[in-house]
PDB file of N, CA and C in Angstrom:
ATOM      1  N   MET A   1      22.872-212.256 129.886  1.00  0.00           N
ATOM      2  CA  MET A   1      21.527-211.570 128.928  1.00  0.00           C
ATOM      3  C   MET A   1      21.750-209.862 129.602  1.00  0.00           C
ATOM      4  N   ILE A   2      21.543-209.790 130.911  1.00  0.00           N
ATOM      5  CA  ILE A   2      22.087-208.559 131.463  1.00  0.00           C
ATOM      6  C   ILE A   2      23.070-207.747 130.998  1.00  0.00           C
ATOM      7  N   LEU A   3      23.842-208.816 130.815  1.00  0.00           N
ATOM      8  CA  LEU A   3      25.261-208.492 131.411  1.00  0.00           C
ATOM      9  C   LEU A   3      25.904-207.747 129.300  1.00  0.00           C
ATOM     10  N   ALA A   4      24.647-208.560 128.431  1.00  0.00           N
ATOM     11  CA  ALA A   4      24.223-207.705 127.553  1.00  0.00           C
ATOM     12  C   ALA A   4      23.846-206.600 127.208  1.00  0.00           C
ATOM     13  N   GLY A   5      23.071-206.100 127.916  1.00  0.00           N
ATOM     14  CA  GLY A   5      21.886-204.817 127.896  1.00  0.00           C
ATOM     15  C   GLY A   5      20.836-205.306 127.473  1.00  0.00           C
ATOM     16  N   PHE A   6      20.274-206.258 127.507  1.00  0.00           N
ATOM     17  CA  PHE A   6      18.723-207.044 127.335  1.00  0.00           C
ATOM     18  C   PHE A   6      18.166-206.498 128.616  1.00  0.00           C
ATOM     19  N   ILE A   7      16.456-206.136 128.749  1.00  0.00           N
ATOM     20  CA  ILE A   7      16.448-206.177 129.322  1.00  0.00           C
ATOM     21  C   ILE A   7      14.889-207.263 129.588  1.00  0.00           C
ATOM     22  N   MET A   8      14.762-207.983 130.821  1.00  0.00           N
ATOM     23  CA  MET A   8      13.992-208.661 131.639  1.00  0.00           C
ATOM     24  C   MET A   8      13.034-208.267 131.399  1.00  0.00           C
ATOM     25  N   ASP A   9      11.774-209.106 131.186  1.00  0.00           N
ATOM     26  CA  ASP A   9      10.682-208.799 131.486  1.00  0.00           C
ATOM     27  C   ASP A   9       9.985-209.550 131.924  1.00  0.00           C
ATOM     28  N   GLN A  10       8.828-209.624 132.172  1.00  0.00           N
ATOM     29  CA  GLN A  10       7.587-210.599 132.944  1.00  0.00           C
ATOM     30  C   GLN A  10       7.599-211.980 131.594  1.00  0.00           C
ATOM     31  N   PHE A  11       7.921-211.827 130.374  1.00  0.00           N
ATOM     32  CA  PHE A  11       8.005-212.374 129.395  1.00  0.00           C
ATOM     33  C   PHE A  11       9.356-213.947 130.276  1.00  0.00           C
ATOM     34  N   THR A  12      10.253-213.287 129.466  1.00  0.00           N
ATOM     35  CA  THR A  12      11.521-213.632 130.355  1.00  0.00           C
ATOM     36  C   THR A  12      11.412-214.163 131.375  1.00  0.00           C
ATOM     37  N   PHE A  13      11.652-213.631 132.893  1.00  0.00           N
ATOM     38  CA  PHE A  13      11.036-214.222 133.842  1.00  0.00           C
ATOM     39  C   PHE A  13      10.488-216.039 133.541  1.00  0.00           C
ATOM     40  N   GLY A  14       9.307-215.796 132.985  1.00  0.00           N
ATOM     41  CA  GLY A  14       8.206-216.830 133.023  1.00  0.00           C
ATOM     42  C   GLY A  14       9.202-217.493 132.453  1.00  0.00           C
ATOM     43  N   SER A  15      10.087-217.628 131.297  1.00  0.00           N
ATOM     44  CA  SER A  15      10.492-218.479 130.253  1.00  0.00           C
ATOM     45  C   SER A  15      11.604-219.001 131.168  1.00  0.00           C
ATOM     46  N   ILE A  16      12.193-218.351 131.987  1.00  0.00           N
ATOM     47  CA  ILE A  16      13.736-218.711 132.380  1.00  0.00           C
ATOM     48  C   ILE A  16      13.085-219.835 133.825  1.00  0.00           C
ATOM     49  N   LEU A  17      11.748-219.291 134.762  1.00  0.00           N
ATOM     50  CA  LEU A  17      11.164-220.197 135.512  1.00  0.00           C
ATOM     51  C   LEU A  17      10.459-221.601 135.372  1.00  0.00           C
ATOM     52  N   THR A  18      10.076-221.286 134.036  1.00  0.00           N
ATOM     53  CA  THR A  18       9.526-222.692 133.502  1.00  0.00           C
ATOM     54  C   THR A  18      10.742-223.834 133.377  1.00  0.00           C
ATOM     55  N   ALA A  19      11.495-223.153 132.876  1.00  0.00           N
ATOM     56  CA  ALA A  19      13.026-224.045 132.000  1.00  0.00           C
ATOM     57  C   ALA A  19      13.368-224.765 133.712  1.00  0.00           C
ATOM     58  N   CYS A  20      14.068-223.675 134.554  1.00  0.00           N
ATOM     59  CA  CYS A  20      14.085-224.227 136.099  1.00  0.00           C
ATOM     60  C   CYS A  20      13.142-225.181 136.664  1.00  0.00           C
ATOM     61  N   GLY A  21      11.963-225.219 136.577  1.00  0.00           N
ATOM     62  CA  GLY A  21      10.966-226.122 137.557  1.00  0.00           C
ATOM     63  C   GLY A  21      11.201-227.405 136.256  1.00  0.00           C
ATOM     64  N   SER A  22      11.002-227.394 135.151  1.00  0.00           N
ATOM     65  CA  SER A  22      11.387-228.433 134.408  1.00  0.00           C
ATOM     66  C   SER A  22      12.175-228.859 134.471  1.00  0.00           C
ATOM     67  N   LEU A  23      13.543-228.246 134.992  1.00  0.00           N
ATOM     68  CA  LEU A  23      15.016-229.367 135.175  1.00  0.00           C
ATOM     69  C   LEU A  23      15.102-229.096 136.482  1.00  0.00           C
ATOM     70  N   LEU A  24      13.871-228.898 137.693  1.00  0.00           N
ATOM     71  CA  LEU A  24      14.249-229.305 138.899  1.00  0.00           C
ATOM     72  C   LEU A  24      15.061-228.555 139.212  1.00  0.00           C
ATOM     73  N   ALA A  25      15.558-227.445 138.839  1.00  0.00           N
ATOM     74  CA  ALA A  25      16.695-226.585 139.042  1.00  0.00           C
ATOM     75  C   ALA A  25      16.467-225.787 140.369  1.00  0.00           C
ATOM     76  N   LEU A  26      16.112-225.924 141.202  1.00  0.00           N
ATOM     77  CA  LEU A  26      15.661-225.210 142.386  1.00  0.00           C
ATOM     78  C   LEU A  26      15.943-224.377 142.638  1.00  0.00           C
ATOM     79  N   GLU A  27      18.019-223.872 143.139  1.00  0.00           N
ATOM     80  CA  GLU A  27      18.871-223.187 143.550  1.00  0.00           C
ATOM     81  C   GLU A  27      19.077-222.056 142.690  1.00  0.00           C
ATOM     82  N   GLU A  28      18.877-222.169 141.310  1.00  0.00           N
ATOM     83  CA  GLU A  28      18.923-221.262 140.593  1.00  0.00           C
ATOM     84  C   GLU A  28      17.368-220.380 140.165  1.00  0.00           C
ATOM     85  N   GLY A  29      16.221-221.300 140.150  1.00  0.00           N
ATOM     86  CA  GLY A  29      15.391-220.810 140.497  1.00  0.00           C
ATOM     87  C   GLY A  29      14.928-219.639 141.413  1.00  0.00           C
ATOM     88  N   LYS A  30      15.812-220.297 142.580  1.00  0.00           N
ATOM     89  CA  LYS A  30      15.527-219.123 143.845  1.00  0.00           C
ATOM     90  C   LYS A  30      16.444-217.872 144.075  1.00  0.00           C
ATOM     91  N   GLN A  31      17.284-218.038 143.246  1.00  0.00           N
ATOM     92  CA  GLN A  31      18.185-217.001 142.486  1.00  0.00           C
ATOM     93  C   GLN A  31      17.707-216.050 142.065  1.00  0.00           C
ATOM     94  N   ILE A  32      16.907-216.548 140.868  1.00  0.00           N
ATOM     95  CA  ILE A  32      16.231-215.497 139.551  1.00  0.00           C
ATOM     96  C   ILE A  32      14.665-215.042 140.892  1.00  0.00           C
ATOM     97  N   HIS A  33      14.492-215.988 141.904  1.00  0.00           N
ATOM     98  CA  HIS A  33      13.331-215.161 142.908  1.00  0.00           C
ATOM     99  C   HIS A  33      14.194-213.872 142.979  1.00  0.00           C
ATOM    100  N   ALA A  34      15.437-214.087 143.987  1.00  0.00           N
ATOM    101  CA  ALA A  34      16.164-212.783 144.252  1.00  0.00           C
ATOM    102  C   ALA A  34      16.021-211.541 143.561  1.00  0.00           C
ATOM    103  N   TYR A  35      16.606-211.693 142.190  1.00  0.00           N
ATOM    104  CA  TYR A  35      16.703-210.995 141.524  1.00  0.00           C
ATOM    105  C   TYR A  35      15.263-210.407 141.118  1.00  0.00           C
ATOM    106  N   VAL A  36      14.572-211.235 140.865  1.00  0.00           N
ATOM    107  CA  VAL A  36      12.655-210.476 140.233  1.00  0.00           C
ATOM    108  C   VAL A  36      12.650-209.581 141.919  1.00  0.00           C
ATOM    109  N   ILE A  37      13.040-209.999 143.395  1.00  0.00           N
ATOM    110  CA  ILE A  37      12.692-208.862 144.240  1.00  0.00           C
ATOM    111  C   ILE A  37      13.348-207.442 144.084  1.00  0.00           C
ATOM    112  N   ARG A  38      14.551-208.094 143.795  1.00  0.00           N
ATOM    113  CA  ARG A  38      15.771-206.682 143.214  1.00  0.00           C
ATOM    114  C   ARG A  38      15.054-205.932 142.662  1.00  0.00           C
ATOM    115  N   ILE A  39      15.165-206.147 141.601  1.00  0.00           N
ATOM    116  CA  ILE A  39      14.258-205.241 140.843  1.00  0.00           C
ATOM    117  C   ILE A  39      12.855-204.911 141.267  1.00  0.00           C
ATOM    118  N   ASP A  40      11.845-205.242 142.052  1.00  0.00           N
ATOM    119  CA  ASP A  40      10.725-205.045 142.404  1.00  0.00           C
ATOM    120  C   ASP A  40       9.764-205.208 141.220  1.00  0.00           C
ATOM    121  N   ASN A  41      10.468-206.886 140.635  1.00  0.00           N
ATOM    122  CA  ASN A  41       9.233-206.923 140.097  1.00  0.00           C
ATOM    123  C   ASN A  41       8.062-208.426 140.598  1.00  0.00           C
ATOM    124  N   LYS A  42       7.863-208.233 141.608  1.00  0.00           N
ATOM    125  CA  LYS A  42       7.420-209.136 142.291  1.00  0.00           C
ATOM    126  C   LYS A  42       5.973-209.325 142.103  1.00  0.00           C
ATOM    127  N   ASP A  43       5.764-207.786 141.940  1.00  0.00           N
ATOM    128  CA  ASP A  43       3.734-207.982 141.959  1.00  0.00           C
ATOM    129  C   ASP A  43       3.434-207.938 140.566  1.00  0.00           C
ATOM    130  N   ASN A  44       4.422-208.560 139.376  1.00  0.00           N
ATOM    131  CA  ASN A  44       3.769-209.079 138.566  1.00  0.00           C
ATOM    132  C   ASN A  44       2.886-210.381 138.542  1.00  0.00           C
ATOM    133  N   VAL A  45       1.533-210.306 138.073  1.00  0.00           N
ATOM    134  CA  VAL A  45       0.633-211.584 138.243  1.00  0.00           C
ATOM    135  C   VAL A  45       1.993-212.869 137.583  1.00  0.00           C
ATOM    136  N   PHE A  46       2.169-212.691 136.521  1.00  0.00           N
ATOM    137  CA  PHE A  46       2.505-213.400 135.340  1.00  0.00           C
ATOM    138  C   PHE A  46       3.967-214.259 136.111  1.00  0.00           C
ATOM    139  N   VAL A  47       4.715-213.146 136.564  1.00  0.00           N
ATOM    140  CA  VAL A  47       5.724-213.724 137.487  1.00  0.00           C
ATOM    141  C   VAL A  47       5.917-214.686 138.903  1.00  0.00           C
ATOM    142  N   GLY A  48       4.960-213.643 139.170  1.00  0.00           N
ATOM    143  CA  GLY A  48       4.361-215.181 140.330  1.00  0.00           C
ATOM    144  C   GLY A  48       3.779-215.961 140.446  1.00  0.00           C
ATOM    145  N   SER A  49       2.280-216.377 139.371  1.00  0.00           N
ATOM    146  CA  SER A  49       2.132-217.571 138.792  1.00  0.00           C
ATOM    147  C   SER A  49       3.856-218.477 138.560  1.00  0.00           C
ATOM    148  N   ALA A  50       4.355-217.562 137.668  1.00  0.00           N
ATOM    149  CA  ALA A  50       5.672-218.625 137.092  1.00  0.00           C
ATOM    150  C   ALA A  50       6.357-219.212 138.377  1.00  0.00           C
ATOM    151  N   LEU A  51       6.725-218.260 139.248  1.00  0.00           N
ATOM    152  CA  LEU A  51       7.384-218.625 140.365  1.00  0.00           C
ATOM    153  C   LEU A  51       6.320-220.249 140.992  1.00  0.00           C
ATOM    154  N   VAL A  52       4.876-219.776 141.242  1.00  0.00           N
ATOM    155  CA  VAL A  52       4.100-220.733 142.169  1.00  0.00           C
ATOM    156  C   VAL A  52       4.805-221.916 141.067  1.00  0.00           C
ATOM    157  N   ASP A  53       4.639-222.107 140.528  1.00  0.00           N
ATOM    158  CA  ASP A  53       5.255-223.527 139.566  1.00  0.00           C
ATOM    159  C   ASP A  53       6.012-224.107 139.599  1.00  0.00           C
ATOM    160  N   MET A  54       7.503-222.627 139.420  1.00  0.00           N
ATOM    161  CA  MET A  54       8.374-223.386 139.980  1.00  0.00           C
ATOM    162  C   MET A  54       8.856-224.185 140.729  1.00  0.00           C
ATOM    163  N   TYR A  55       8.306-223.469 142.327  1.00  0.00           N
ATOM    164  CA  TYR A  55       8.745-224.360 142.960  1.00  0.00           C
ATOM    165  C   TYR A  55       7.510-225.630 143.667  1.00  0.00           C
ATOM    166  N   SER A  56       6.458-225.391 143.130  1.00  0.00           N
ATOM    167  CA  SER A  56       5.458-226.510 143.262  1.00  0.00           C
ATOM    168  C   SER A  56       6.346-227.792 142.137  1.00  0.00           C
ATOM    169  N   LYS A  57       7.603-227.517 140.699  1.00  0.00           N
ATOM    170  CA  LYS A  57       7.997-228.463 140.077  1.00  0.00           C
ATOM    171  C   LYS A  57       9.164-229.600 141.050  1.00  0.00           C
ATOM    172  N   CYS A  58       9.432-227.890 141.986  1.00  0.00           N
ATOM    173  CA  CYS A  58      10.737-228.321 142.768  1.00  0.00           C
ATOM    174  C   CYS A  58      10.611-229.076 143.755  1.00  0.00           C
ATOM    175  N   LYS A  59       9.232-229.527 143.845  1.00  0.00           N
ATOM    176  CA  LYS A  59       8.948-229.809 145.761  1.00  0.00           C
ATOM    177  C   LYS A  59       8.957-229.183 146.778  1.00  0.00           C
ATOM    178  N   SER A  60       8.743-228.000 146.317  1.00  0.00           N
ATOM    179  CA  SER A  60       9.073-226.819 147.335  1.00  0.00           C
ATOM    180  C   SER A  60       7.933-226.253 147.753  1.00  0.00           C
ATOM    181  N   ILE A  61       7.092-227.229 148.362  1.00  0.00           N
ATOM    182  CA  ILE A  61       5.339-226.216 148.459  1.00  0.00           C
ATOM    183  C   ILE A  61       5.128-225.564 148.887  1.00  0.00           C
ATOM    184  N   LYS A  62       5.910-225.380 150.101  1.00  0.00           N
ATOM    185  CA  LYS A  62       5.933-224.469 151.165  1.00  0.00           C
ATOM    186  C   LYS A  62       6.155-223.203 151.022  1.00  0.00           C
ATOM    187  N   SER A  63       7.359-222.650 149.577  1.00  0.00           N
ATOM    188  CA  SER A  63       7.786-221.644 149.069  1.00  0.00           C
ATOM    189  C   SER A  63       6.469-221.071 148.167  1.00  0.00           C
ATOM    190  N   ALA A  64       5.978-222.299 147.260  1.00  0.00           N
ATOM    191  CA  ALA A  64       4.786-221.818 146.784  1.00  0.00           C
ATOM    192  C   ALA A  64       4.058-221.853 147.432  1.00  0.00           C
ATOM    193  N   GLU A  65       3.446-222.064 148.474  1.00  0.00           N
ATOM    194  CA  GLU A  65       1.964-221.075 149.119  1.00  0.00           C
ATOM    195  C   GLU A  65       2.816-219.671 149.606  1.00  0.00           C
ATOM    196  N   THR A  66       4.064-219.931 150.286  1.00  0.00           N
ATOM    197  CA  THR A  66       4.698-218.467 150.871  1.00  0.00           C
ATOM    198  C   THR A  66       4.230-217.315 149.277  1.00  0.00           C
ATOM    199  N   VAL A  67       4.966-218.061 148.641  1.00  0.00           N
ATOM    200  CA  VAL A  67       4.703-217.035 147.346  1.00  0.00           C
ATOM    201  C   VAL A  67       3.441-216.447 146.597  1.00  0.00           C
ATOM    202  N   PHE A  68       2.498-217.504 146.768  1.00  0.00           N
ATOM    203  CA  PHE A  68       0.920-217.605 145.951  1.00  0.00           C
ATOM    204  C   PHE A  68       0.611-216.422 147.095  1.00  0.00           C
ATOM    205  N   LYS A  69       1.022-217.049 148.706  1.00  0.00           N
ATOM    206  CA  LYS A  69      -0.150-215.987 149.787  1.00  0.00           C
ATOM    207  C   LYS A  69       0.157-214.652 149.558  1.00  0.00           C
ATOM    208  N   ARG A  70       1.987-214.644 149.248  1.00  0.00           N
ATOM    209  CA  ARG A  70       1.879-212.928 148.921  1.00  0.00           C
ATOM    210  C   ARG A  70       1.725-212.227 148.158  1.00  0.00           C
ATOM    211  N   MET A  71       0.950-212.695 146.962  1.00  0.00           N
ATOM    212  CA  MET A  71       0.660-212.452 145.638  1.00  0.00           C
ATOM    213  C   MET A  71      -0.856-210.728 146.124  1.00  0.00           C
ATOM    214  N   THR A  72      -0.067-210.028 145.082  1.00  0.00           N
ATOM    215  CA  THR A  72      -1.027-209.001 145.120  1.00  0.00           C
ATOM    216  C   THR A  72      -2.315-208.520 145.076  1.00  0.00           C
ATOM    217  N   GLN A  73      -1.825-209.401 143.539  1.00  0.00           N
ATOM    218  CA  GLN A  73      -2.826-210.003 142.336  1.00  0.00           C
ATOM    219  C   GLN A  73      -2.701-211.365 142.069  1.00  0.00           C
ATOM    220  N   LYS A  74      -4.065-211.750 141.812  1.00  0.00           N
ATOM    221  CA  LYS A  74      -3.910-213.041 140.847  1.00  0.00           C
ATOM    222  C   LYS A  74      -5.360-213.409 140.544  1.00  0.00           C
ATOM    223  N   ASN A  75      -5.047-214.190 139.274  1.00  0.00           N
ATOM    224  CA  ASN A  75      -5.963-214.697 138.209  1.00  0.00           C
ATOM    225  C   ASN A  75      -5.787-216.017 138.473  1.00  0.00           C
ATOM    226  N   VAL A  76      -6.906-216.558 137.542  1.00  0.00           N
ATOM    227  CA  VAL A  76      -7.308-218.067 137.220  1.00  0.00           C
ATOM    228  C   VAL A  76      -5.566-218.627 137.140  1.00  0.00           C
ATOM    229  N   VAL A  77      -4.616-217.850 136.018  1.00  0.00           N
ATOM    230  CA  VAL A  77      -3.795-218.865 136.009  1.00  0.00           C
ATOM    231  C   VAL A  77      -2.896-219.345 137.463  1.00  0.00           C
ATOM    232  N   SER A  78      -2.886-217.990 138.008  1.00  0.00           N
ATOM    233  CA  SER A  78      -1.955-218.364 139.358  1.00  0.00           C
ATOM    234  C   SER A  78      -2.643-218.819 140.504  1.00  0.00           C
ATOM    235  N   TRP A  79      -4.083-219.176 140.584  1.00  0.00           N
ATOM    236  CA  TRP A  79      -5.219-220.149 141.530  1.00  0.00           C
ATOM    237  C   TRP A  79      -4.568-221.347 140.790  1.00  0.00           C
ATOM    238  N   THR A  80      -4.756-221.783 139.295  1.00  0.00           N
ATOM    239  CA  THR A  80      -4.633-222.929 139.105  1.00  0.00           C
ATOM    240  C   THR A  80      -2.733-223.548 139.063  1.00  0.00           C
ATOM    241  N   ALA A  81      -2.199-222.182 139.024  1.00  0.00           N
ATOM    242  CA  ALA A  81      -0.884-223.160 139.685  1.00  0.00           C
ATOM    243  C   ALA A  81      -0.548-223.729 140.426  1.00  0.00           C
ATOM    244  N   MET A  82      -0.788-222.817 141.139  1.00  0.00           N
ATOM    245  CA  MET A  82      -0.698-223.342 143.200  1.00  0.00           C
ATOM    246  C   MET A  82      -2.005-224.405 143.073  1.00  0.00           C
ATOM    247  N   LEU A  83      -2.867-224.928 142.978  1.00  0.00           N
ATOM    248  CA  LEU A  83      -3.662-226.009 142.626  1.00  0.00           C
ATOM    249  C   LEU A  83      -3.160-226.833 141.922  1.00  0.00           C
ATOM    250  N   ALA A  84      -2.727-226.514 140.974  1.00  0.00           N
ATOM    251  CA  ALA A  84      -1.800-227.815 140.221  1.00  0.00           C
ATOM    252  C   ALA A  84      -0.565-228.320 141.213  1.00  0.00           C
ATOM    253  N   GLY A  85       0.073-227.560 141.938  1.00  0.00           N
ATOM    254  CA  GLY A  85       1.399-227.864 142.143  1.00  0.00           C
ATOM    255  C   GLY A  85       0.700-228.681 143.549  1.00  0.00           C
ATOM    256  N   TYR A  86      -0.416-228.285 144.154  1.00  0.00           N
ATOM    257  CA  TYR A  86      -0.959-229.239 145.343  1.00  0.00           C
ATOM    258  C   TYR A  86      -0.995-230.721 145.078  1.00  0.00           C
ATOM    259  N   GLY A  87      -1.314-230.656 143.847  1.00  0.00           N
ATOM    260  CA  GLY A  87      -1.878-231.929 143.036  1.00  0.00           C
ATOM    261  C   GLY A  87      -0.433-232.758 142.209  1.00  0.00           C
ATOM    262  N   GLN A  88       0.433-231.640 141.947  1.00  0.00           N
ATOM    263  CA  GLN A  88       1.989-232.532 141.581  1.00  0.00           C
ATOM    264  C   GLN A  88       2.481-233.311 143.005  1.00  0.00           C
ATOM    265  N   ASN A  89       2.289-232.665 143.987  1.00  0.00           N
ATOM    266  CA  ASN A  89       2.604-233.167 145.217  1.00  0.00           C
ATOM    267  C   ASN A  89       1.869-233.599 146.077  1.00  0.00           C
ATOM    268  N   GLY A  90       1.000-234.363 145.720  1.00  0.00           N
ATOM    269  CA  GLY A  90       0.602-235.483 146.355  1.00  0.00           C
ATOM    270  C   GLY A  90      -0.812-234.932 147.667  1.00  0.00           C
ATOM    271  N   LEU A  91      -1.145-233.367 147.306  1.00  0.00           N
ATOM    272  CA  LEU A  91      -2.005-233.161 148.545  1.00  0.00           C
ATOM    273  C   LEU A  91      -3.410-232.397 147.865  1.00  0.00           C
ATOM    274  N   SER A  92      -4.089-233.490 147.200  1.00  0.00           N
ATOM    275  CA  SER A  92      -4.777-233.759 146.869  1.00  0.00           C
ATOM    276  C   SER A  92      -6.532-233.224 147.806  1.00  0.00           C
ATOM    277  N   GLU A  93      -5.691-233.562 149.009  1.00  0.00           N
ATOM    278  CA  GLU A  93      -7.218-232.465 149.872  1.00  0.00           C
ATOM    279  C   GLU A  93      -6.915-230.897 149.611  1.00  0.00           C
ATOM    280  N   GLU A  94      -5.902-230.481 149.450  1.00  0.00           N
ATOM    281  CA  GLU A  94      -5.691-228.962 149.387  1.00  0.00           C
ATOM    282  C   GLU A  94      -5.433-228.873 147.897  1.00  0.00           C
ATOM    283  N   VAL A  95      -5.673-229.425 147.293  1.00  0.00           N
ATOM    284  CA  VAL A  95      -6.379-229.130 145.672  1.00  0.00           C
ATOM    285  C   VAL A  95      -7.840-228.350 145.655  1.00  0.00           C
ATOM    286  N   VAL A  96      -8.694-229.496 146.569  1.00  0.00           N
ATOM    287  CA  VAL A  96     -10.160-229.246 146.848  1.00  0.00           C
ATOM    288  C   VAL A  96     -10.485-227.822 147.577  1.00  0.00           C
ATOM    289  N   LYS A  97      -9.436-227.668 148.319  1.00  0.00           N
ATOM    290  CA  LYS A  97      -9.599-226.641 149.062  1.00  0.00           C
ATOM    291  C   LYS A  97      -9.624-224.835 148.804  1.00  0.00           C
ATOM    292  N   ILE A  98      -8.354-225.184 148.095  1.00  0.00           N
ATOM    293  CA  ILE A  98      -8.020-224.167 147.084  1.00  0.00           C
ATOM    294  C   ILE A  98      -8.883-224.097 145.639  1.00  0.00           C
ATOM    295  N   PHE A  99      -9.604-225.115 145.553  1.00  0.00           N
ATOM    296  CA  PHE A  99     -10.611-225.362 144.288  1.00  0.00           C
ATOM    297  C   PHE A  99     -11.607-224.247 144.360  1.00  0.00           C
ATOM    298  N   PHE A 100     -12.296-224.637 145.936  1.00  0.00           N
ATOM    299  CA  PHE A 100     -13.315-223.767 146.726  1.00  0.00           C
ATOM    300  C   PHE A 100     -12.969-222.223 146.774  1.00  0.00           C
ATOM    301  N   GLU A 101     -11.988-222.453 147.892  1.00  0.00           N
ATOM    302  CA  GLU A 101     -11.656-220.863 147.476  1.00  0.00           C
ATOM    303  C   GLU A 101     -11.568-220.506 146.486  1.00  0.00           C
ATOM    304  N   MET A 102     -11.071-220.076 145.539  1.00  0.00           N
ATOM    305  CA  MET A 102     -10.566-219.895 144.194  1.00  0.00           C
ATOM    306  C   MET A 102     -12.164-219.424 143.896  1.00  0.00           C
ATOM    307  N   GLN A 103     -13.447-220.098 143.824  1.00  0.00           N
ATOM    308  CA  GLN A 103     -14.413-220.100 143.544  1.00  0.00           C
ATOM    309  C   GLN A 103     -14.550-218.534 144.488  1.00  0.00           C
ATOM    310  N   ARG A 104     -15.019-219.073 145.372  1.00  0.00           N
ATOM    311  CA  ARG A 104     -15.465-217.573 146.881  1.00  0.00           C
ATOM    312  C   ARG A 104     -14.600-216.566 146.516  1.00  0.00           C
ATOM    313  N   ASN A 105     -13.418-216.478 145.702  1.00  0.00           N
ATOM    314  CA  ASN A 105     -12.932-215.342 145.725  1.00  0.00           C
ATOM    315  C   ASN A 105     -13.258-214.590 144.189  1.00  0.00           C
ATOM    316  N   GLY A 106     -13.996-215.156 143.530  1.00  0.00           N
ATOM    317  CA  GLY A 106     -14.989-214.727 141.964  1.00  0.00           C
ATOM    318  C   GLY A 106     -14.368-215.738 140.917  1.00  0.00           C
ATOM    319  N   PHE A 107     -13.147-216.855 141.084  1.00  0.00           N
ATOM    320  CA  PHE A 107     -12.570-216.830 140.139  1.00  0.00           C
ATOM    321  C   PHE A 107     -12.888-217.856 139.502  1.00  0.00           C
ATOM    322  N   GLU A 108     -13.376-217.997 138.239  1.00  0.00           N
ATOM    323  CA  GLU A 108     -13.742-219.106 137.089  1.00  0.00           C
ATOM    324  C   GLU A 108     -12.922-220.355 136.757  1.00  0.00           C
ATOM    325  N   PRO A 109     -13.109-221.146 137.148  1.00  0.00           N
ATOM    326  CA  PRO A 109     -12.090-222.585 136.368  1.00  0.00           C
ATOM    327  C   PRO A 109     -12.083-222.338 135.222  1.00  0.00           C
ATOM    328  N   ASP A 110     -10.803-222.738 134.624  1.00  0.00           N
ATOM    329  CA  ASP A 110     -10.742-223.000 133.346  1.00  0.00           C
ATOM    330  C   ASP A 110     -10.602-224.284 133.077  1.00  0.00           C
ATOM    331  N   ASP A 111     -10.291-224.865 131.131  1.00  0.00           N
ATOM    332  CA  ASP A 111     -10.547-226.054 131.491  1.00  0.00           C
ATOM    333  C   ASP A 111      -8.947-227.155 132.227  1.00  0.00           C
ATOM    334  N   PHE A 112      -8.325-226.570 132.560  1.00  0.00           N
ATOM    335  CA  PHE A 112      -7.098-226.935 132.583  1.00  0.00           C
ATOM    336  C   PHE A 112      -6.985-226.840 134.448  1.00  0.00           C
ATOM    337  N   THR A 113      -7.920-226.411 135.083  1.00  0.00           N
ATOM    338  CA  THR A 113      -7.832-226.104 136.315  1.00  0.00           C
ATOM    339  C   THR A 113      -9.409-227.462 136.748  1.00  0.00           C
ATOM    340  N   LEU A 114      -9.987-227.545 135.999  1.00  0.00           N
ATOM    341  CA  LEU A 114     -10.595-228.552 136.256  1.00  0.00           C
ATOM    342  C   LEU A 114     -10.286-229.680 136.103  1.00  0.00           C
ATOM    343  N   GLY A 115      -9.631-230.190 135.362  1.00  0.00           N
ATOM    344  CA  GLY A 115      -9.150-231.212 135.113  1.00  0.00           C
ATOM    345  C   GLY A 115      -7.828-231.667 136.204  1.00  0.00           C
ATOM    346  N   SER A 116      -7.097-230.741 136.739  1.00  0.00           N
ATOM    347  CA  SER A 116      -6.111-230.795 138.069  1.00  0.00           C
ATOM    348  C   SER A 116      -7.322-231.134 139.029  1.00  0.00           C
ATOM    349  N   VAL A 117      -8.591-230.566 139.319  1.00  0.00           N
ATOM    350  CA  VAL A 117      -9.439-231.273 140.462  1.00  0.00           C
ATOM    351  C   VAL A 117      -9.893-232.431 140.124  1.00  0.00           C
ATOM    352  N   ILE A 118      -9.606-232.717 138.648  1.00  0.00           N
ATOM    353  CA  ILE A 118     -10.690-234.058 138.409  1.00  0.00           C
ATOM    354  C   ILE A 118      -9.982-235.263 138.983  1.00  0.00           C
ATOM    355  N   SER A 119      -8.625-235.017 138.540  1.00  0.00           N
ATOM    356  CA  SER A 119      -7.159-235.940 138.546  1.00  0.00           C
ATOM    357  C   SER A 119      -7.169-236.187 140.113  1.00  0.00           C
ATOM    358  N   SER A 120      -7.125-234.852 140.694  1.00  0.00           N
ATOM    359  CA  SER A 120      -6.477-234.753 142.354  1.00  0.00           C
ATOM    360  C   SER A 120      -7.681-235.283 143.020  1.00  0.00           C
ATOM    361  N   CYS A 121      -9.070-235.372 142.566  1.00  0.00           N
ATOM    362  CA  CYS A 121     -10.208-236.067 143.013  1.00  0.00           C
ATOM    363  C   CYS A 121     -10.095-237.592 143.058  1.00  0.00           C
ATOM    364  N   ALA A 122      -9.963-238.074 141.992  1.00  0.00           N
ATOM    365  CA  ALA A 122      -9.453-239.468 141.631  1.00  0.00           C
ATOM    366  C   ALA A 122      -8.215-240.216 142.330  1.00  0.00           C
ATOM    367  N   ASP A 123      -7.439-239.473 142.612  1.00  0.00           N
ATOM    368  CA  ASP A 123      -6.582-239.888 144.121  1.00  0.00           C
ATOM    369  C   ASP A 123      -7.296-240.234 145.653  1.00  0.00           C
ATOM    370  N   LEU A 124      -7.726-238.670 145.357  1.00  0.00           N
ATOM    371  CA  LEU A 124      -8.860-238.991 146.798  1.00  0.00           C
ATOM    372  C   LEU A 124      -9.391-240.666 146.802  1.00  0.00           C
ATOM    373  N   ALA A 125     -10.054-240.981 146.019  1.00  0.00           N
ATOM    374  CA  ALA A 125     -10.648-241.955 145.302  1.00  0.00           C
ATOM    375  C   ALA A 125      -9.956-243.160 145.846  1.00  0.00           C
ATOM    376  N   SER A 126      -9.191-243.294 145.353  1.00  0.00           N
ATOM    377  CA  SER A 126      -8.404-244.092 145.305  1.00  0.00           C
ATOM    378  C   SER A 126      -7.203-244.631 146.252  1.00  0.00           C
TER     379      SER A 126
END
C-alpha cells in the first residue's frame, strides 16, 4: 500500500489490526504497531483500541495492558476492548475491576460492555 502511494489512516490501521487479531498474527501486528509509532499515530484512540484488541486476541494481554495504560485518550470502545481482552484471556476478576474503573472515569458502558461483564461474572460463578 505504502509503495503504491496510499496513505494509511486510522481506518486502515483498524482493519489491518483486526485482521492480525483474527489470524493470531502477533508478529505482523507488532510490525504494524511499530509503524504506528514511527509515523506518530500512537495517540489516536481508534488505533489504540485496535491495538488493545489485537494484542488481546493474540493472547498477549500484557502488551494490551501496556498500550491501554499509555493511551492519552480513551473512550467507551477502548475501555471495552481492554475489558473484553481480559475476558477472552480468562481474567474475569480483572474484567470486573476495569468495569468499575471505567465508570469511575466517567464512561458509561454500552451493550457490548455489559455483555462482556455478564459473561465474565458467569465465569466467576462457575
